[in-house]
């Protein structure tokens, strides 16, 4: 599902002088006030995606959408967009390349950048760094975090309300505390509307192996097994690996037994091939696009974003669920909206583990 562009990554390993020269060809002059930004013309933004990069139809594409919106709205120079190598060992190097090029705002997409941001940010205090999904306590780092468990609770309820068998599946990319939040919310939401529902939980890989976020073949294999075991709705919080779930839902569905898939991060109904759309019940929206856009906007307006942690939850419309394609029955949407209000007003406390 992801299309890697290793040629571009290899190009990043050329000498820094060549990189800097290339940057000069499409960037405006840099504002002297790099912490708070400056004018749109002066602001230089760079982004380092997680594994798979732009085109993963999930987590990275959500970040890219926010960046694209900001570039268009504020007339920014074309951002530098980088992507780690397959093992991710060069994350710090890529952050450093952007910072050494006098990039005002360096966006790191994913918690796997935490150590790299911690090591790099103190060396480049004239740049502001923003990291998604992790808190880094530094005066020039903006920490962008989400209440993934809340959005997952809603799609868990949708799954249990839609299921004919009462058997559900959850596929996590890598078993980390972050992805456990998705699992916890999903299970809690399903149990809320159907206490007898069961959830078959599987993880593709274990740390320090993070390939589970980029292995659609393994995602499909696990989903096939869960569907064969009786599950008829499966939720994948697994980045690009989720593409395998969609393929499995299509391949195993029959006229008598429809199999559903639930997407994550982006509204994946709008991103997949048309042949897969009928099998996507909903997607848990983790609005990384909103987080990236708002951070760039704040910089453009001269605000200091470093040293702050922002939590994007249901109340702030930072997470949610999609209804694209009208695959969710109207009565199910009504019940989900009731649960959503109860989470926002505090009468439902969603677990994170």
C-alpha atoms as a PDB file:
ATOM      1  CA  UNK A   1       0.000   0.000   0.000  1.00  0.00           C
ATOM      2  CA  UNK A   2       2.916   2.303   0.660  1.00  0.00           C
ATOM      3  CA  UNK A   3       5.208   3.235  -2.151  1.00  0.00           C
ATOM      4  CA  UNK A   4       8.700   3.890  -0.872  1.00  0.00           C
ATOM      5  CA  UNK A   5      10.883   6.365  -2.597  1.00  0.00           C
ATOM      6  CA  UNK A   6      14.323   5.098  -1.687  1.00  0.00           C
ATOM      7  CA  UNK A   7      15.895   7.065  -4.512  1.00  0.00           C
ATOM      8  CA  UNK A   8      14.936  10.249  -2.746  1.00  0.00           C
ATOM      9  CA  UNK A   9      16.221   8.955   0.568  1.00  0.00           C
ATOM     10  CA  UNK A  10      19.574   8.056  -0.973  1.00  0.00           C
ATOM     11  CA  UNK A  11      19.771  11.548  -2.334  1.00  0.00           C
ATOM     12  CA  UNK A  12      19.567  12.842   1.227  1.00  0.00           C
ATOM     13  CA  UNK A  13      22.837  11.142   1.988  1.00  0.00           C
ATOM     14  CA  UNK A  14      24.740  13.366  -0.429  1.00  0.00           C
ATOM     15  CA  UNK A  15      27.068  15.888   1.146  1.00  0.00           C
ATOM     16  CA  UNK A  16      25.375  18.630   3.120  1.00  0.00           C
ATOM     17  CA  UNK A  17      26.751  21.259   0.775  1.00  0.00           C
ATOM     18  CA  UNK A  18      24.724  19.838  -2.092  1.00  0.00           C
ATOM     19  CA  UNK A  19      21.622  19.679   0.091  1.00  0.00           C
ATOM     20  CA  UNK A  20      22.026  23.300   1.160  1.00  0.00           C
ATOM     21  CA  UNK A  21      22.535  24.403  -2.427  1.00  0.00           C
ATOM     22  CA  UNK A  22      19.356  22.648  -3.487  1.00  0.00           C
ATOM     23  CA  UNK A  23      17.440  24.295  -0.679  1.00  0.00           C
ATOM     24  CA  UNK A  24      18.477  27.710  -1.868  1.00  0.00           C
ATOM     25  CA  UNK A  25      16.734  27.259  -5.179  1.00  0.00           C
ATOM     26  CA  UNK A  26      13.158  27.333  -3.916  1.00  0.00           C
ATOM     27  CA  UNK A  27      13.204  29.091  -0.554  1.00  0.00           C
ATOM     28  CA  UNK A  28      12.701  32.698   0.447  1.00  0.00           C
ATOM     29  CA  UNK A  29      14.923  34.581   2.839  1.00  0.00           C
ATOM     30  CA  UNK A  30      14.724  33.426   6.437  1.00  0.00           C
ATOM     31  CA  UNK A  31      13.239  35.603   9.149  1.00  0.00           C
ATOM     32  CA  UNK A  32      15.658  36.517  11.914  1.00  0.00           C
ATOM     33  CA  UNK A  33      12.965  35.627  14.456  1.00  0.00           C
ATOM     34  CA  UNK A  34      12.928  31.873  13.856  1.00  0.00           C
ATOM     35  CA  UNK A  35      11.248  30.886  17.095  1.00  0.00           C
ATOM     36  CA  UNK A  36       8.038  32.789  16.474  1.00  0.00           C
ATOM     37  CA  UNK A  37       8.111  32.678  12.701  1.00  0.00           C
ATOM     38  CA  UNK A  38       7.531  35.978  10.959  1.00  0.00           C
ATOM     39  CA  UNK A  39       5.832  36.651   7.654  1.00  0.00           C
ATOM     40  CA  UNK A  40       4.538  33.813   5.510  1.00  0.00           C
ATOM     41  CA  UNK A  41       7.160  34.660   2.926  1.00  0.00           C
ATOM     42  CA  UNK A  42       9.965  34.277   5.454  1.00  0.00           C
ATOM     43  CA  UNK A  43       8.760  31.114   7.213  1.00  0.00           C
ATOM     44  CA  UNK A  44      10.551  27.942   6.165  1.00  0.00           C
ATOM     45  CA  UNK A  45       8.869  24.686   7.113  1.00  0.00           C
ATOM     46  CA  UNK A  46      10.278  21.185   6.833  1.00  0.00           C
ATOM     47  CA  UNK A  47       8.781  17.819   7.718  1.00  0.00           C
ATOM     48  CA  UNK A  48      10.212  14.376   8.356  1.00  0.00           C
ATOM     49  CA  UNK A  49       7.571  11.702   7.922  1.00  0.00           C
ATOM     50  CA  UNK A  50       7.378   8.395   9.708  1.00  0.00           C
ATOM     51  CA  UNK A  51       8.208   5.163   7.852  1.00  0.00           C
ATOM     52  CA  UNK A  52       6.379   4.997   4.535  1.00  0.00           C
ATOM     53  CA  UNK A  53       6.179   8.740   4.057  1.00  0.00           C
ATOM     54  CA  UNK A  54       3.614  10.648   2.061  1.00  0.00           C
ATOM     55  CA  UNK A  55       1.317   8.235   0.267  1.00  0.00           C
ATOM     56  CA  UNK A  56       0.668   5.790   3.120  1.00  0.00           C
ATOM     57  CA  UNK A  57      -3.061   6.668   3.041  1.00  0.00           C
ATOM     58  CA  UNK A  58      -3.005   6.925   6.821  1.00  0.00           C
ATOM     59  CA  UNK A  59      -0.859   8.637   9.460  1.00  0.00           C
ATOM     60  CA  UNK A  60       1.674  10.380   7.220  1.00  0.00           C
ATOM     61  CA  UNK A  61      -0.931  11.484   4.714  1.00  0.00           C
ATOM     62  CA  UNK A  62      -2.860  13.169   7.516  1.00  0.00           C
ATOM     63  CA  UNK A  63       0.238  15.201   8.390  1.00  0.00           C
ATOM     64  CA  UNK A  64       0.824  15.961   4.719  1.00  0.00           C
ATOM     65  CA  UNK A  65      -2.745  17.221   4.322  1.00  0.00           C
ATOM     66  CA  UNK A  66      -2.271  19.719   7.147  1.00  0.00           C
ATOM     67  CA  UNK A  67       0.999  20.893   5.671  1.00  0.00           C
ATOM     68  CA  UNK A  68      -0.519  21.256   2.198  1.00  0.00           C
ATOM     69  CA  UNK A  69      -3.381  23.335   3.571  1.00  0.00           C
ATOM     70  CA  UNK A  70      -0.999  25.654   5.407  1.00  0.00           C
ATOM     71  CA  UNK A  71       1.261  26.091   2.380  1.00  0.00           C
ATOM     72  CA  UNK A  72      -1.681  26.986   0.174  1.00  0.00           C
ATOM     73  CA  UNK A  73      -3.409  29.251   2.669  1.00  0.00           C
ATOM     74  CA  UNK A  74      -0.342  31.179   3.797  1.00  0.00           C
ATOM     75  CA  UNK A  75       1.647  31.176   0.558  1.00  0.00           C
ATOM     76  CA  UNK A  76       4.642  29.416   2.086  1.00  0.00           C
ATOM     77  CA  UNK A  77       7.686  28.381   0.126  1.00  0.00           C
ATOM     78  CA  UNK A  78       7.693  24.724  -0.864  1.00  0.00           C
ATOM     79  CA  UNK A  79       8.525  22.715   2.285  1.00  0.00           C
ATOM     80  CA  UNK A  80      11.295  20.167   2.425  1.00  0.00           C
ATOM     81  CA  UNK A  81       9.710  16.717   2.882  1.00  0.00           C
ATOM     82  CA  UNK A  82      11.997  13.914   4.055  1.00  0.00           C
ATOM     83  CA  UNK A  83      11.519  10.279   5.035  1.00  0.00           C
ATOM     84  CA  UNK A  84      13.646   7.904   7.137  1.00  0.00           C
ATOM     85  CA  UNK A  85      15.368   4.883   5.696  1.00  0.00           C
ATOM     86  CA  UNK A  86      13.760   1.489   6.211  1.00  0.00           C
ATOM     87  CA  UNK A  87      15.258   0.967   9.639  1.00  0.00           C
ATOM     88  CA  UNK A  88      14.712   4.564  10.694  1.00  0.00           C
ATOM     89  CA  UNK A  89      18.294   4.948  11.928  1.00  0.00           C
ATOM     90  CA  UNK A  90      18.743   8.293  10.159  1.00  0.00           C
ATOM     91  CA  UNK A  91      15.908  10.177  11.864  1.00  0.00           C
ATOM     92  CA  UNK A  92      18.255  12.491  13.767  1.00  0.00           C
ATOM     93  CA  UNK A  93      20.317  13.088  10.646  1.00  0.00           C
ATOM     94  CA  UNK A  94      17.246  14.232   8.713  1.00  0.00           C
ATOM     95  CA  UNK A  95      16.143  16.585  11.488  1.00  0.00           C
ATOM     96  CA  UNK A  96      19.666  17.988  11.562  1.00  0.00           C
ATOM     97  CA  UNK A  97      19.694  18.532   7.785  1.00  0.00           C
ATOM     98  CA  UNK A  98      16.580  20.675   8.049  1.00  0.00           C
ATOM     99  CA  UNK A  99      17.785  22.615  11.079  1.00  0.00           C
ATOM    100  CA  UNK A 100      21.189  23.304   9.497  1.00  0.00           C
ATOM    101  CA  UNK A 101      19.319  24.702   6.499  1.00  0.00           C
ATOM    102  CA  UNK A 102      17.807  27.359   8.800  1.00  0.00           C
ATOM    103  CA  UNK A 103      14.337  25.800   8.741  1.00  0.00           C
ATOM    104  CA  UNK A 104      12.087  27.727  11.109  1.00  0.00           C
ATOM    105  CA  UNK A 105       9.669  24.899  11.875  1.00  0.00           C
ATOM    106  CA  UNK A 106      10.782  21.263  11.719  1.00  0.00           C
ATOM    107  CA  UNK A 107       7.897  18.791  12.059  1.00  0.00           C
ATOM    108  CA  UNK A 108       8.673  15.230  13.193  1.00  0.00           C
ATOM    109  CA  UNK A 109       5.785  12.865  12.473  1.00  0.00           C
ATOM    110  CA  UNK A 110       5.597  10.164  15.124  1.00  0.00           C
ATOM    111  CA  UNK A 111       6.723   9.126  18.600  1.00  0.00           C
ATOM    112  CA  UNK A 112       9.720   7.285  17.161  1.00  0.00           C
ATOM    113  CA  UNK A 113      11.349  10.691  16.695  1.00  0.00           C
ATOM    114  CA  UNK A 114      11.372  11.416  20.439  1.00  0.00           C
ATOM    115  CA  UNK A 115      15.032  10.601  21.092  1.00  0.00           C
ATOM    116  CA  UNK A 116      16.131  12.318  17.891  1.00  0.00           C
ATOM    117  CA  UNK A 117      14.238  15.502  18.752  1.00  0.00           C
ATOM    118  CA  UNK A 118      15.604  15.465  22.302  1.00  0.00           C
ATOM    119  CA  UNK A 119      19.127  15.232  20.930  1.00  0.00           C
ATOM    120  CA  UNK A 120      18.753  17.731  18.093  1.00  0.00           C
ATOM    121  CA  UNK A 121      16.546  20.527  19.423  1.00  0.00           C
ATOM    122  CA  UNK A 122      19.031  21.820  22.057  1.00  0.00           C
ATOM    123  CA  UNK A 123      21.667  22.237  19.345  1.00  0.00           C
ATOM    124  CA  UNK A 124      19.410  24.351  17.102  1.00  0.00           C
ATOM    125  CA  UNK A 125      17.657  26.822  19.343  1.00  0.00           C
ATOM    126  CA  UNK A 126      16.931  29.137  16.401  1.00  0.00           C
ATOM    127  CA  UNK A 127      14.600  26.480  14.993  1.00  0.00           C
ATOM    128  CA  UNK A 128      11.301  25.309  16.457  1.00  0.00           C
ATOM    129  CA  UNK A 129      10.562  21.590  16.393  1.00  0.00           C
ATOM    130  CA  UNK A 130       7.096  20.007  16.540  1.00  0.00           C
ATOM    131  CA  UNK A 131       6.720  16.327  17.364  1.00  0.00           C
ATOM    132  CA  UNK A 132       3.546  14.313  16.886  1.00  0.00           C
ATOM    133  CA  UNK A 133       2.539  11.726  19.512  1.00  0.00           C
ATOM    134  CA  UNK A 134       5.212  12.430  22.098  1.00  0.00           C
ATOM    135  CA  UNK A 135       6.098  14.995  24.744  1.00  0.00           C
ATOM    136  CA  UNK A 136       9.553  16.521  24.573  1.00  0.00           C
ATOM    137  CA  UNK A 137      10.224  19.029  27.330  1.00  0.00           C
ATOM    138  CA  UNK A 138      12.284  21.715  25.619  1.00  0.00           C
ATOM    139  CA  UNK A 139      11.671  25.448  25.068  1.00  0.00           C
ATOM    140  CA  UNK A 140      11.816  25.100  21.283  1.00  0.00           C
ATOM    141  CA  UNK A 141       9.701  21.947  20.951  1.00  0.00           C
ATOM    142  CA  UNK A 142       5.922  21.839  20.457  1.00  0.00           C
ATOM    143  CA  UNK A 143       4.434  18.518  21.573  1.00  0.00           C
ATOM    144  CA  UNK A 144       1.303  17.516  19.637  1.00  0.00           C
ATOM    145  CA  UNK A 145      -0.622  14.680  21.281  1.00  0.00           C
ATOM    146  CA  UNK A 146      -4.035  13.051  20.858  1.00  0.00           C
ATOM    147  CA  UNK A 147      -6.749  11.279  22.827  1.00  0.00           C
ATOM    148  CA  UNK A 148      -6.682   8.273  20.491  1.00  0.00           C
ATOM    149  CA  UNK A 149      -8.618   6.211  23.010  1.00  0.00           C
ATOM    150  CA  UNK A 150     -11.643   8.499  22.652  1.00  0.00           C
ATOM    151  CA  UNK A 151     -11.924   8.164  18.888  1.00  0.00           C
ATOM    152  CA  UNK A 152     -11.237   4.438  19.168  1.00  0.00           C
ATOM    153  CA  UNK A 153     -14.057   4.118  21.708  1.00  0.00           C
ATOM    154  CA  UNK A 154     -16.514   5.470  19.158  1.00  0.00           C
ATOM    155  CA  UNK A 155     -15.427   3.123  16.373  1.00  0.00           C
ATOM    156  CA  UNK A 156     -15.463   0.252  18.880  1.00  0.00           C
ATOM    157  CA  UNK A 157     -19.103   1.031  19.531  1.00  0.00           C
ATOM    158  CA  UNK A 158     -19.733   1.224  15.790  1.00  0.00           C
ATOM    159  CA  UNK A 159     -18.089  -2.176  15.339  1.00  0.00           C
ATOM    160  CA  UNK A 160     -20.150  -3.885  18.035  1.00  0.00           C
ATOM    161  CA  UNK A 161     -23.396  -2.292  16.879  1.00  0.00           C
ATOM    162  CA  UNK A 162     -22.741  -3.415  13.300  1.00  0.00           C
ATOM    163  CA  UNK A 163     -21.401  -6.911  13.984  1.00  0.00           C
ATOM    164  CA  UNK A 164     -23.657  -9.882  13.327  1.00  0.00           C
ATOM    165  CA  UNK A 165     -21.429 -12.353  15.171  1.00  0.00           C
ATOM    166  CA  UNK A 166     -20.409 -10.362  18.236  1.00  0.00           C
ATOM    167  CA  UNK A 167     -16.801 -11.210  17.375  1.00  0.00           C
ATOM    168  CA  UNK A 168     -14.460  -8.341  16.558  1.00  0.00           C
ATOM    169  CA  UNK A 169     -10.786  -7.984  15.757  1.00  0.00           C
ATOM    170  CA  UNK A 170      -8.081  -5.459  16.582  1.00  0.00           C
ATOM    171  CA  UNK A 171      -4.753  -5.334  14.729  1.00  0.00           C
ATOM    172  CA  UNK A 172      -2.035  -3.170  16.234  1.00  0.00           C
ATOM    173  CA  UNK A 173       1.044  -2.288  14.229  1.00  0.00           C
ATOM    174  CA  UNK A 174       3.544  -2.444  17.090  1.00  0.00           C
ATOM    175  CA  UNK A 175       2.726  -3.174  20.727  1.00  0.00           C
ATOM    176  CA  UNK A 176       3.622   0.154  22.322  1.00  0.00           C
ATOM    177  CA  UNK A 177       1.852   2.227  24.997  1.00  0.00           C
ATOM    178  CA  UNK A 178       0.556   4.510  22.241  1.00  0.00           C
ATOM    179  CA  UNK A 179      -1.113   1.737  20.252  1.00  0.00           C
ATOM    180  CA  UNK A 180      -2.405   0.168  23.458  1.00  0.00           C
ATOM    181  CA  UNK A 181      -4.477   3.360  23.826  1.00  0.00           C
ATOM    182  CA  UNK A 182      -6.204   2.554  20.527  1.00  0.00           C
ATOM    183  CA  UNK A 183      -6.829  -1.012  21.710  1.00  0.00           C
ATOM    184  CA  UNK A 184      -8.150   0.043  25.116  1.00  0.00           C
ATOM    185  CA  UNK A 185     -10.592   2.546  23.664  1.00  0.00           C
ATOM    186  CA  UNK A 186     -11.820   0.146  20.986  1.00  0.00           C
ATOM    187  CA  UNK A 187     -12.469  -2.672  23.428  1.00  0.00           C
ATOM    188  CA  UNK A 188     -14.192  -0.363  25.925  1.00  0.00           C
ATOM    189  CA  UNK A 189     -16.473   1.105  23.260  1.00  0.00           C
ATOM    190  CA  UNK A 190     -17.430  -2.324  21.962  1.00  0.00           C
ATOM    191  CA  UNK A 191     -18.154  -3.626  25.466  1.00  0.00           C
ATOM    192  CA  UNK A 192     -20.229  -0.543  26.280  1.00  0.00           C
ATOM    193  CA  UNK A 193     -22.828  -1.343  23.642  1.00  0.00           C
ATOM    194  CA  UNK A 194     -22.447  -5.142  23.738  1.00  0.00           C
ATOM    195  CA  UNK A 195     -21.019  -6.524  26.990  1.00  0.00           C
ATOM    196  CA  UNK A 196     -20.880  -9.976  25.382  1.00  0.00           C
ATOM    197  CA  UNK A 197     -18.728  -8.857  22.463  1.00  0.00           C
ATOM    198  CA  UNK A 198     -15.278 -10.410  22.161  1.00  0.00           C
ATOM    199  CA  UNK A 199     -12.216  -8.789  20.606  1.00  0.00           C
ATOM    200  CA  UNK A 200      -9.377 -10.843  19.125  1.00  0.00           C
ATOM    201  CA  UNK A 201      -6.273  -8.674  19.624  1.00  0.00           C
ATOM    202  CA  UNK A 202      -3.152  -9.220  17.533  1.00  0.00           C
ATOM    203  CA  UNK A 203       0.028  -7.157  17.066  1.00  0.00           C
ATOM    204  CA  UNK A 204       2.174  -7.354  13.951  1.00  0.00           C
ATOM    205  CA  UNK A 205       5.528  -6.726  15.657  1.00  0.00           C
ATOM    206  CA  UNK A 206       7.105  -5.978  19.010  1.00  0.00           C
ATOM    207  CA  UNK A 207       9.610  -3.212  19.826  1.00  0.00           C
ATOM    208  CA  UNK A 208      12.333  -2.647  18.807  1.00  0.00           C
ATOM    209  CA  UNK A 209      10.952  -4.041  15.547  1.00  0.00           C
ATOM    210  CA  UNK A 210       8.704  -1.283  14.183  1.00  0.00           C
ATOM    211  CA  UNK A 211       8.078  -2.900  10.809  1.00  0.00           C
ATOM    212  CA  UNK A 212       4.514  -3.569  11.936  1.00  0.00           C
ATOM    213  CA  UNK A 213       3.590  -0.082  10.804  1.00  0.00           C
ATOM    214  CA  UNK A 214       4.617  -0.857   7.247  1.00  0.00           C
ATOM    215  CA  UNK A 215       3.736  -4.480   6.501  1.00  0.00           C
ATOM    216  CA  UNK A 216       0.392  -4.757   4.669  1.00  0.00           C
ATOM    217  CA  UNK A 217       1.079  -8.395   3.788  1.00  0.00           C
ATOM    218  CA  UNK A 218       1.274  -9.313   7.466  1.00  0.00           C
ATOM    219  CA  UNK A 219      -1.758  -7.164   8.205  1.00  0.00           C
ATOM    220  CA  UNK A 220      -3.717  -9.103   5.592  1.00  0.00           C
ATOM    221  CA  UNK A 221      -2.535 -12.437   6.956  1.00  0.00           C
ATOM    222  CA  UNK A 222      -3.680 -11.581  10.487  1.00  0.00           C
ATOM    223  CA  UNK A 223      -7.003 -10.194   9.261  1.00  0.00           C
ATOM    224  CA  UNK A 224      -7.672 -13.327   7.211  1.00  0.00           C
ATOM    225  CA  UNK A 225      -7.163 -15.404  10.348  1.00  0.00           C
ATOM    226  CA  UNK A 226      -9.474 -13.211  12.420  1.00  0.00           C
ATOM    227  CA  UNK A 227     -12.219 -13.291   9.798  1.00  0.00           C
ATOM    228  CA  UNK A 228     -11.838 -17.069   9.543  1.00  0.00           C
ATOM    229  CA  UNK A 229     -12.250 -17.207  13.325  1.00  0.00           C
ATOM    230  CA  UNK A 230     -15.641 -15.543  13.152  1.00  0.00           C
ATOM    231  CA  UNK A 231     -14.842 -11.840  13.443  1.00  0.00           C
ATOM    232  CA  UNK A 232     -16.856  -9.717  11.022  1.00  0.00           C
ATOM    233  CA  UNK A 233     -15.526  -6.255  11.948  1.00  0.00           C
ATOM    234  CA  UNK A 234     -11.796  -5.547  12.405  1.00  0.00           C
ATOM    235  CA  UNK A 235     -10.052  -2.323  13.392  1.00  0.00           C
ATOM    236  CA  UNK A 236      -6.397  -1.799  12.475  1.00  0.00           C
ATOM    237  CA  UNK A 237      -4.227   0.801  14.195  1.00  0.00           C
ATOM    238  CA  UNK A 238      -1.202  -0.107  12.136  1.00  0.00           C
ATOM    239  CA  UNK A 239      -0.353   2.678   9.701  1.00  0.00           C
ATOM    240  CA  UNK A 240       0.321   1.372   6.208  1.00  0.00           C
ATOM    241  CA  UNK A 241      -0.218  -2.226   7.335  1.00  0.00           C
ATOM    242  CA  UNK A 242      -3.921  -1.438   7.499  1.00  0.00           C
ATOM    243  CA  UNK A 243      -4.065  -1.693   3.720  1.00  0.00           C
ATOM    244  CA  UNK A 244      -3.810  -5.442   4.145  1.00  0.00           C
ATOM    245  CA  UNK A 245      -6.916  -5.404   6.337  1.00  0.00           C
ATOM    246  CA  UNK A 246      -8.946  -3.737   3.603  1.00  0.00           C
ATOM    247  CA  UNK A 247      -7.801  -6.313   1.079  1.00  0.00           C
ATOM    248  CA  UNK A 248      -8.724  -9.126   3.463  1.00  0.00           C
ATOM    249  CA  UNK A 249     -12.196  -7.703   4.106  1.00  0.00           C
ATOM    250  CA  UNK A 250     -12.885  -7.652   0.399  1.00  0.00           C
ATOM    251  CA  UNK A 251     -11.401 -11.083  -0.286  1.00  0.00           C
ATOM    252  CA  UNK A 252     -13.245 -12.888   2.517  1.00  0.00           C
ATOM    253  CA  UNK A 253     -16.672 -11.250   2.227  1.00  0.00           C
ATOM    254  CA  UNK A 254     -19.513 -13.256   0.759  1.00  0.00           C
ATOM    255  CA  UNK A 255     -23.118 -12.502  -0.119  1.00  0.00           C
ATOM    256  CA  UNK A 256     -24.148 -14.200   3.109  1.00  0.00           C
ATOM    257  CA  UNK A 257     -21.425 -12.769   5.352  1.00  0.00           C
ATOM    258  CA  UNK A 258     -20.176  -9.205   4.887  1.00  0.00           C
ATOM    259  CA  UNK A 259     -16.817  -8.446   6.471  1.00  0.00           C
ATOM    260  CA  UNK A 260     -16.055  -4.908   7.579  1.00  0.00           C
ATOM    261  CA  UNK A 261     -12.796  -3.032   8.131  1.00  0.00           C
ATOM    262  CA  UNK A 262     -12.244   0.106  10.190  1.00  0.00           C
ATOM    263  CA  UNK A 263      -9.538   2.535   9.131  1.00  0.00           C
ATOM    264  CA  UNK A 264      -7.390   4.815  11.228  1.00  0.00           C
ATOM    265  CA  UNK A 265      -5.863   8.303  11.330  1.00  0.00           C
ATOM    266  CA  UNK A 266      -7.183   9.547   7.954  1.00  0.00           C
ATOM    267  CA  UNK A 267     -10.651   9.053   6.451  1.00  0.00           C
ATOM    268  CA  UNK A 268      -9.429   6.014   4.568  1.00  0.00           C
ATOM    269  CA  UNK A 269     -12.673   5.547   2.657  1.00  0.00           C
ATOM    270  CA  UNK A 270     -11.639   8.584   0.625  1.00  0.00           C
ATOM    271  CA  UNK A 271      -8.105   7.315  -0.001  1.00  0.00           C
ATOM    272  CA  UNK A 272      -8.421   3.682  -1.025  1.00  0.00           C
ATOM    273  CA  UNK A 273      -9.220   2.129  -4.387  1.00  0.00           C
ATOM    274  CA  UNK A 274     -12.908   2.231  -5.275  1.00  0.00           C
ATOM    275  CA  UNK A 275     -13.147  -1.563  -5.037  1.00  0.00           C
ATOM    276  CA  UNK A 276     -12.329  -1.401  -1.306  1.00  0.00           C
ATOM    277  CA  UNK A 277     -14.737   1.379  -0.322  1.00  0.00           C
ATOM    278  CA  UNK A 278     -17.759  -0.914   0.241  1.00  0.00           C
ATOM    279  CA  UNK A 279     -15.856  -2.718   3.015  1.00  0.00           C
ATOM    280  CA  UNK A 280     -14.762   0.284   5.109  1.00  0.00           C
ATOM    281  CA  UNK A 281     -17.300   0.800   7.857  1.00  0.00           C
ATOM    282  CA  UNK A 282     -15.674   3.943   9.263  1.00  0.00           C
ATOM    283  CA  UNK A 283     -12.272   5.337  10.195  1.00  0.00           C
ATOM    284  CA  UNK A 284     -11.048   6.620  13.522  1.00  0.00           C
ATOM    285  CA  UNK A 285      -9.958  10.148  12.686  1.00  0.00           C
ATOM    286  CA  UNK A 286      -6.795  11.233  14.393  1.00  0.00           C
ATOM    287  CA  UNK A 287      -6.544  14.736  13.057  1.00  0.00           C
ATOM    288  CA  UNK A 288      -2.824  15.099  12.638  1.00  0.00           C
ATOM    289  CA  UNK A 289      -3.688  17.432   9.756  1.00  0.00           C
ATOM    290  CA  UNK A 290      -5.341  19.815  12.207  1.00  0.00           C
ATOM    291  CA  UNK A 291      -2.372  19.674  14.577  1.00  0.00           C
ATOM    292  CA  UNK A 292       0.168  20.368  11.836  1.00  0.00           C
ATOM    293  CA  UNK A 293      -1.923  23.116  10.253  1.00  0.00           C
ATOM    294  CA  UNK A 294      -2.583  24.898  13.546  1.00  0.00           C
ATOM    295  CA  UNK A 295       1.092  24.767  14.497  1.00  0.00           C
ATOM    296  CA  UNK A 296       2.162  26.305  11.189  1.00  0.00           C
ATOM    297  CA  UNK A 297      -0.613  28.899  11.454  1.00  0.00           C
ATOM    298  CA  UNK A 298       0.545  29.913  14.926  1.00  0.00           C
ATOM    299  CA  UNK A 299       4.100  30.335  13.645  1.00  0.00           C
ATOM    300  CA  UNK A 300       2.882  32.431  10.707  1.00  0.00           C
ATOM    301  CA  UNK A 301       0.993  34.660  13.137  1.00  0.00           C
ATOM    302  CA  UNK A 302       4.110  35.161  15.212  1.00  0.00           C
ATOM    303  CA  UNK A 303       3.176  33.011  18.180  1.00  0.00           C
ATOM    304  CA  UNK A 304       5.697  31.043  20.188  1.00  0.00           C
ATOM    305  CA  UNK A 305       4.707  27.374  19.964  1.00  0.00           C
ATOM    306  CA  UNK A 306       7.820  25.843  21.524  1.00  0.00           C
ATOM    307  CA  UNK A 307       7.649  24.623  25.112  1.00  0.00           C
ATOM    308  CA  UNK A 308       3.955  23.740  24.867  1.00  0.00           C
ATOM    309  CA  UNK A 309       2.025  20.479  24.872  1.00  0.00           C
ATOM    310  CA  UNK A 310      -1.355  20.408  23.124  1.00  0.00           C
ATOM    311  CA  UNK A 311      -3.832  17.557  23.516  1.00  0.00           C
ATOM    312  CA  UNK A 312      -6.249  17.056  20.616  1.00  0.00           C
ATOM    313  CA  UNK A 313      -9.376  15.261  21.872  1.00  0.00           C
ATOM    314  CA  UNK A 314     -13.092  14.949  21.089  1.00  0.00           C
ATOM    315  CA  UNK A 315     -13.873  18.243  22.766  1.00  0.00           C
ATOM    316  CA  UNK A 316     -11.405  20.111  20.546  1.00  0.00           C
ATOM    317  CA  UNK A 317     -12.401  18.044  17.475  1.00  0.00           C
ATOM    318  CA  UNK A 318      -8.915  16.574  17.406  1.00  0.00           C
ATOM    319  CA  UNK A 319     -10.192  12.993  17.093  1.00  0.00           C
ATOM    320  CA  UNK A 320     -13.424  11.531  15.821  1.00  0.00           C
ATOM    321  CA  UNK A 321     -14.899   9.077  13.333  1.00  0.00           C
ATOM    322  CA  UNK A 322     -15.930   9.228   9.678  1.00  0.00           C
ATOM    323  CA  UNK A 323     -19.258   8.553   7.985  1.00  0.00           C
ATOM    324  CA  UNK A 324     -18.056   8.718   4.378  1.00  0.00           C
ATOM    325  CA  UNK A 325     -19.916   6.385   2.057  1.00  0.00           C
ATOM    326  CA  UNK A 326     -22.827   6.065   4.490  1.00  0.00           C
ATOM    327  CA  UNK A 327     -21.723   2.534   5.379  1.00  0.00           C
ATOM    328  CA  UNK A 328     -22.695   3.096   9.007  1.00  0.00           C
ATOM    329  CA  UNK A 329     -26.425   2.698   9.606  1.00  0.00           C
ATOM    330  CA  UNK A 330     -28.161   5.941  10.705  1.00  0.00           C
ATOM    331  CA  UNK A 331     -29.313   4.416  14.002  1.00  0.00           C
ATOM    332  CA  UNK A 332     -25.711   3.445  14.765  1.00  0.00           C
ATOM    333  CA  UNK A 333     -24.557   7.010  14.115  1.00  0.00           C
ATOM    334  CA  UNK A 334     -27.256   8.267  16.506  1.00  0.00           C
ATOM    335  CA  UNK A 335     -25.988   6.002  19.280  1.00  0.00           C
ATOM    336  CA  UNK A 336     -22.364   6.959  18.620  1.00  0.00           C
ATOM    337  CA  UNK A 337     -23.213  10.646  18.823  1.00  0.00           C
ATOM    338  CA  UNK A 338     -24.799  10.057  22.239  1.00  0.00           C
ATOM    339  CA  UNK A 339     -21.633   8.344  23.437  1.00  0.00           C
ATOM    340  CA  UNK A 340     -19.544  11.178  22.007  1.00  0.00           C
ATOM    341  CA  UNK A 341     -21.475  13.752  24.026  1.00  0.00           C
ATOM    342  CA  UNK A 342     -21.056  11.674  27.172  1.00  0.00           C
ATOM    343  CA  UNK A 343     -17.303  11.492  26.682  1.00  0.00           C
ATOM    344  CA  UNK A 344     -17.092  15.236  26.126  1.00  0.00           C
ATOM    345  CA  UNK A 345     -19.183  16.067  29.213  1.00  0.00           C
ATOM    346  CA  UNK A 346     -17.155  13.658  31.319  1.00  0.00           C
ATOM    347  CA  UNK A 347     -19.856  11.126  32.130  1.00  0.00           C
ATOM    348  CA  UNK A 348     -17.877   8.464  30.239  1.00  0.00           C
ATOM    349  CA  UNK A 349     -14.204   8.062  31.130  1.00  0.00           C
ATOM    350  CA  UNK A 350     -12.364   6.205  28.398  1.00  0.00           C
ATOM    351  CA  UNK A 351      -9.478   3.958  29.539  1.00  0.00           C
ATOM    352  CA  UNK A 352      -6.021   4.357  28.017  1.00  0.00           C
ATOM    353  CA  UNK A 353      -4.646   0.946  28.949  1.00  0.00           C
END
